[in-house]
Protein backbone atom coordinates (compact mmCIF):
# COMPACT_ATOMS: atom_id res chain seq x y z
CA MET A 1 59.21 103.54 89.87
CA THR A 2 57.08 101.36 92.06
CA PHE A 3 58.36 99.76 95.22
CA LEU A 4 58.55 96.34 93.53
CA GLN A 5 60.59 97.75 90.64
CA LEU A 6 63.01 99.42 93.06
CA ALA A 7 63.30 96.25 95.13
CA GLY A 8 63.92 94.18 91.98
CA ALA A 9 66.59 96.59 90.74
CA GLY A 10 68.29 96.50 94.14
CA LEU A 11 68.24 92.70 94.15
CA ILE A 12 69.84 92.55 90.69
CA ILE A 13 72.61 94.95 91.76
CA ASN A 14 73.28 92.92 94.92
CA ILE A 15 73.42 89.63 93.01
CA ALA A 16 75.82 91.09 90.43
CA GLY A 17 78.07 92.36 93.22
CA LEU A 18 78.07 88.99 94.94
CA GLN A 19 78.98 87.21 91.71
CA PHE A 20 82.08 89.41 91.30
CA ALA A 21 83.02 88.94 94.95
CA ALA A 22 82.69 85.17 94.61
CA ALA A 23 84.85 85.15 91.47
CA ALA A 24 87.61 87.32 92.96
CA GLU A 25 90.34 85.45 94.83
CA TRP A 26 93.36 86.40 96.89
CA ARG A 27 96.59 85.23 95.27
CA PHE A 28 100.30 85.90 95.02
CA CYS A 29 102.67 84.82 92.27
CA ILE A 30 105.97 83.05 92.65
CA ALA A 31 108.68 82.01 90.18
CA PRO A 32 111.88 80.20 91.14
CA ALA A 33 115.16 80.73 89.35
CA GLY A 34 116.83 77.51 90.45
CA GLN A 35 120.23 77.98 88.83
CA GLU A 36 120.53 81.46 90.29
CA HIS A 37 119.26 80.42 93.74
CA LYS A 38 116.55 83.09 93.63
CA ILE A 39 112.80 83.15 93.89
CA TYR A 40 110.64 86.01 92.65
CA MET A 41 107.47 86.75 94.63
CA THR A 42 104.70 89.31 94.44
CA ALA A 43 102.69 90.73 97.31
CA PRO A 44 99.20 89.27 97.75
CA PHE A 45 96.47 90.77 95.57
CA LEU A 46 92.76 90.32 94.91
CA THR A 47 91.83 89.37 91.35
CA ALA A 48 89.17 87.69 89.25
CA MET A 49 91.58 87.09 86.33
CA PRO A 50 91.81 83.49 85.06
CA MET A 51 94.86 81.66 86.40
CA ASP A 52 96.40 80.95 82.98
CA ALA A 53 96.25 84.63 82.01
CA MET A 54 97.65 85.71 85.38
CA GLU A 55 100.56 83.25 85.32
CA ASN A 56 101.33 84.19 81.72
CA GLY A 57 101.27 87.89 82.65
CA PHE A 58 103.73 87.37 85.52
CA HIS A 59 105.97 85.25 83.25
CA GLN A 60 105.99 88.03 80.63
CA ALA A 61 106.71 90.71 83.25
CA LEU A 62 109.73 88.72 84.47
CA ASP A 63 110.92 88.19 80.89
CA ARG A 64 110.57 91.92 80.08
CA SER A 65 112.76 92.76 83.06
CA SER A 66 115.35 90.13 82.01
CA ARG A 67 114.76 87.95 85.07
CA ARG A 68 115.48 84.34 84.15
CA HIS A 69 113.11 81.97 85.90
CA ASP A 70 111.63 78.51 85.84
CA SER A 71 107.90 77.87 86.23
CA VAL A 72 105.36 80.44 87.44
CA GLN A 73 102.62 79.73 89.94
CA CYS A 74 99.95 81.96 91.46
CA PRO A 75 98.52 80.05 94.44
CA THR A 76 95.26 81.02 96.10
CA GLY A 77 93.81 80.59 99.55
CA ALA A 78 90.53 80.93 101.39
CA ASN A 79 91.11 84.62 102.23
CA GLU A 80 93.72 87.37 102.46
CA GLN A 81 95.16 86.15 105.77
CA THR A 82 95.64 82.64 104.42
CA VAL A 83 97.41 83.90 101.29
CA ARG A 84 99.65 86.19 103.35
CA ALA A 85 100.57 83.22 105.58
CA MET A 86 101.28 81.04 102.52
CA ARG A 87 103.51 83.73 101.04
CA GLN A 88 105.39 84.15 104.33
CA HIS A 89 105.91 80.38 104.55
CA ALA A 90 107.29 80.33 100.98
CA ASP A 91 109.59 83.24 101.87
CA ASP A 92 110.85 81.55 105.06
CA PHE A 93 111.32 78.16 103.37
CA ASN A 94 113.30 79.60 100.46
CA ARG A 95 115.57 81.62 102.73
CA GLN A 96 116.26 78.48 104.78
CA MET A 97 117.15 76.68 101.54
CA GLY A 98 119.67 79.43 100.74
CA ASN A 99 117.63 81.14 98.03
CA GLU A 100 117.46 84.90 97.67
CA VAL A 101 113.85 86.10 97.86
CA VAL A 102 113.30 88.91 95.37
CA PRO A 103 110.08 90.91 95.83
CA ILE A 104 108.45 91.90 92.54
CA ASP A 105 106.06 94.84 92.35
CA TRP A 106 103.52 93.27 89.99
CA LYS A 107 99.77 92.71 89.89
CA PRO A 108 97.58 91.58 87.01
CA ALA A 109 96.24 94.51 85.03
CA ALA A 110 92.69 93.85 86.25
CA ALA A 111 93.86 94.07 89.91
CA ARG A 112 95.64 97.44 89.65
């Protein structure tokens, strides 16, 4: 291969890697169970999965484990530290409101 071919191949690989990195986001998922005074929360994870698919996956995981819940949300932030801080704030707030915080060991299949 010539130098220009090698440089071009390297550029393509770098661009492809940057596109995945730009698409991946730090998130955590949360689902309240209002009548039971509980909230289910995952640890933060990095994923490129579409939000609808991710929220549906968490909803199904809770259903399979017979955990009644209300809505599901998977908020995102600018980076891992921001998402960890958001999760901690949700944890603290719910405990202050008298809700039991239940950690759930779940990540979307693409993030495992």
